[in-house]
Every structure is written in C-alpha cells, then in structure tokens.
C-alpha atoms as a PDB file:
ATOM      1  CA  MET A   1      62.464 -56.752 116.280  1.00  0.00           C
ATOM      2  CA  SER A   2      59.664 -59.202 117.097  1.00  0.00           C
ATOM      3  CA  GLN A   3      60.153 -62.090 119.456  1.00  0.00           C
ATOM      4  CA  LYS A   4      58.570 -65.477 118.898  1.00  0.00           C
ATOM      5  CA  LYS A   5      56.007 -66.554 121.459  1.00  0.00           C
ATOM      6  CA  PRO A   6      56.728 -69.893 123.098  1.00  0.00           C
ATOM      7  CA  ASN A   7      54.410 -72.684 122.038  1.00  0.00           C
ATOM      8  CA  THR A   8      51.804 -72.723 124.791  1.00  0.00           C
ATOM      9  CA  LYS A   9      49.369 -75.162 123.183  1.00  0.00           C
ATOM     10  CA  LYS A  10      48.638 -77.969 125.630  1.00  0.00           C
ATOM     11  CA  ILE A  11      48.758 -81.347 123.918  1.00  0.00           C
ATOM     12  CA  LYS A  12      46.667 -83.987 125.620  1.00  0.00           C
ATOM     13  CA  PRO A  13      47.675 -87.662 125.536  1.00  0.00           C
ATOM     14  CA  PRO A  14      45.502 -90.068 123.519  1.00  0.00           C
ATOM     15  CA  LYS A  15      42.231 -90.980 125.246  1.00  0.00           C
ATOM     16  CA  GLY A  16      42.645 -93.884 127.636  1.00  0.00           C
ATOM     17  CA  THR A  17      46.373 -93.375 128.135  1.00  0.00           C
ATOM     18  CA  ARG A  18      48.440 -91.678 130.796  1.00  0.00           C
ATOM     19  CA  ASP A  19      52.008 -91.267 131.942  1.00  0.00           C
ATOM     20  CA  LEU A  20      53.068 -93.292 134.955  1.00  0.00           C
ATOM     21  CA  TYR A  21      55.234 -91.281 137.302  1.00  0.00           C
ATOM     22  CA  PRO A  22      57.716 -93.050 139.607  1.00  0.00           C
ATOM     23  CA  GLU A  23      55.383 -93.839 142.527  1.00  0.00           C
ATOM     24  CA  ASP A  24      52.567 -95.099 140.288  1.00  0.00           C
ATOM     25  CA  LEU A  25      54.996 -97.014 138.068  1.00  0.00           C
ATOM     26  CA  LEU A  26      56.483 -98.832 141.064  1.00  0.00           C
ATOM     27  CA  ARG A  27      52.980 -99.766 142.231  1.00  0.00           C
ATOM     28  CA  GLN A  28      52.038-101.038 138.754  1.00  0.00           C
ATOM     29  CA  GLN A  29      55.269-103.039 138.438  1.00  0.00           C
ATOM     30  CA  TYR A  30      54.738-104.600 141.872  1.00  0.00           C
ATOM     31  CA  ILE A  31      51.234-105.766 140.920  1.00  0.00           C
ATOM     32  CA  THR A  32      52.328-106.963 137.464  1.00  0.00           C
ATOM     33  CA  ASN A  33      55.223-108.933 138.945  1.00  0.00           C
ATOM     34  CA  ALA A  34      52.966-110.510 141.583  1.00  0.00           C
ATOM     35  CA  TRP A  35      50.529-111.690 138.871  1.00  0.00           C
ATOM     36  CA  ARG A  36      53.404-112.919 136.690  1.00  0.00           C
ATOM     37  CA  ASP A  37      54.982-114.874 139.565  1.00  0.00           C
ATOM     38  CA  ALA A  38      51.642-116.440 140.538  1.00  0.00           C
ATOM     39  CA  ALA A  39      50.934-117.470 136.937  1.00  0.00           C
ATOM     40  CA  LEU A  40      54.405-118.976 136.492  1.00  0.00           C
ATOM     41  CA  ARG A  41      54.052-120.944 139.754  1.00  0.00           C
ATOM     42  CA  CYS A  42      50.774-122.351 138.390  1.00  0.00           C
ATOM     43  CA  GLY A  43      52.488-123.609 135.247  1.00  0.00           C
ATOM     44  CA  PHE A  44      51.591-120.848 132.788  1.00  0.00           C
ATOM     45  CA  ASP A  45      54.197-119.602 130.325  1.00  0.00           C
ATOM     46  CA  GLU A  46      54.674-115.903 129.671  1.00  0.00           C
ATOM     47  CA  ILE A  47      54.191-114.478 126.187  1.00  0.00           C
ATOM     48  CA  ALA A  48      54.631-110.957 124.845  1.00  0.00           C
ATOM     49  CA  GLY A  49      52.630-109.956 121.800  1.00  0.00           C
ATOM     50  CA  PRO A  50      52.866-106.747 119.802  1.00  0.00           C
ATOM     51  CA  THR A  51      51.116-103.637 121.063  1.00  0.00           C
ATOM     52  CA  PHE A  52      49.285-103.149 117.752  1.00  0.00           C
ATOM     53  CA  GLU A  53      48.097-105.639 115.158  1.00  0.00           C
ATOM     54  CA  THR A  54      46.745-105.335 111.652  1.00  0.00           C
ATOM     55  CA  THR A  55      43.013-104.904 111.209  1.00  0.00           C
ATOM     56  CA  GLU A  56      43.004-108.007 109.018  1.00  0.00           C
ATOM     57  CA  LEU A  57      44.131-110.235 111.907  1.00  0.00           C
ATOM     58  CA  TYR A  58      41.190-109.175 114.081  1.00  0.00           C
ATOM     59  CA  ALA A  59      38.742-109.591 111.197  1.00  0.00           C
ATOM     60  CA  VAL A  60      39.970-113.134 110.481  1.00  0.00           C
ATOM     61  CA  LYS A  61      40.160-114.259 114.122  1.00  0.00           C
ATOM     62  CA  SER A  62      37.106-112.520 115.590  1.00  0.00           C
ATOM     63  CA  GLY A  63      34.909-111.550 112.647  1.00  0.00           C
ATOM     64  CA  GLU A  64      34.201-108.211 110.994  1.00  0.00           C
ATOM     65  CA  GLY A  65      31.807-107.171 113.788  1.00  0.00           C
ATOM     66  CA  ILE A  66      34.588-106.662 116.313  1.00  0.00           C
ATOM     67  CA  LEU A  67      36.386-104.096 114.147  1.00  0.00           C
ATOM     68  CA  GLY A  68      33.927-101.298 114.875  1.00  0.00           C
ATOM     69  CA  GLU A  69      34.138-102.028 118.591  1.00  0.00           C
ATOM     70  CA  LEU A  70      37.936-102.153 118.669  1.00  0.00           C
ATOM     71  CA  PHE A  71      38.589 -99.059 116.666  1.00  0.00           C
ATOM     72  CA  GLN A  72      35.764 -97.072 118.254  1.00  0.00           C
ATOM     73  CA  ALA A  73      37.338 -97.759 121.628  1.00  0.00           C
ATOM     74  CA  PHE A  74      40.806 -96.983 120.312  1.00  0.00           C
ATOM     75  CA  SER A  75      40.104 -93.753 118.496  1.00  0.00           C
ATOM     76  CA  GLY A  76      37.155 -92.360 120.434  1.00  0.00           C
ATOM     77  CA  LYS A  77      34.558 -90.182 118.732  1.00  0.00           C
ATOM     78  CA  SER A  78      37.021 -87.967 116.863  1.00  0.00           C
ATOM     79  CA  PRO A  79      39.807 -90.109 115.390  1.00  0.00           C
ATOM     80  CA  LYS A  80      43.299 -88.662 115.709  1.00  0.00           C
ATOM     81  CA  GLU A  81      46.550 -90.042 114.438  1.00  0.00           C
ATOM     82  CA  VAL A  82      48.601 -91.764 117.099  1.00  0.00           C
ATOM     83  CA  GLU A  83      51.942 -93.493 117.021  1.00  0.00           C
ATOM     84  CA  ARG A  84      53.288 -96.194 119.231  1.00  0.00           C
ATOM     85  CA  VAL A  85      56.165 -95.060 121.409  1.00  0.00           C
ATOM     86  CA  LYS A  86      59.205 -97.171 120.577  1.00  0.00           C
ATOM     87  CA  GLU A  87      60.255 -99.378 123.477  1.00  0.00           C
ATOM     88  CA  THR A  88      63.802 -99.174 124.753  1.00  0.00           C
ATOM     89  CA  GLY A  89      65.884-101.699 126.597  1.00  0.00           C
END
C-alpha cells in the first residue's frame, strides 16, 4: 500500500507583502495609532478606503499612464493571481 507524501511545496507570499507576527504587529499598531492621534488632534478626519479598486477608477482619476506603473508594481515581472484576505471584526 502506498502512502501519500505530505505537500512540501513552499508557497511564498505575494511580492511586497509579509505576515506581521505579534511583536512586529504591536510595533506597527503603536506607530499607526500615534500618527492617527496626531492627525486627529490637528483637525484631520479619518477615512478608510477599499484595499483594491477597479482599473477604470485609476484611469479616470490619474490617466491611462499610471496603470502600467500601478499594476507593474502590484504584480511584479511575472503576474500571479492574488486574492484579498477578507477582513474580520
């Protein structure tokens, strides 16, 4: 009887992303909260936009030229499919 080999393929995260482990996450949250508090004290209002937008929005607002720059930076030299991780909470 043959046994299945465990999947040992290492899957790398999308280029430009990384997981934040507890110590790094706390540091990032501290800095983010400090910036947020300073901005609010100076009269700025906080907004939260979507993580991804349609290509059409960028073309209309910034011109067609920015599309190559945005998506080159997003996908790197060899485009791969990515999905946005659904936020919880």
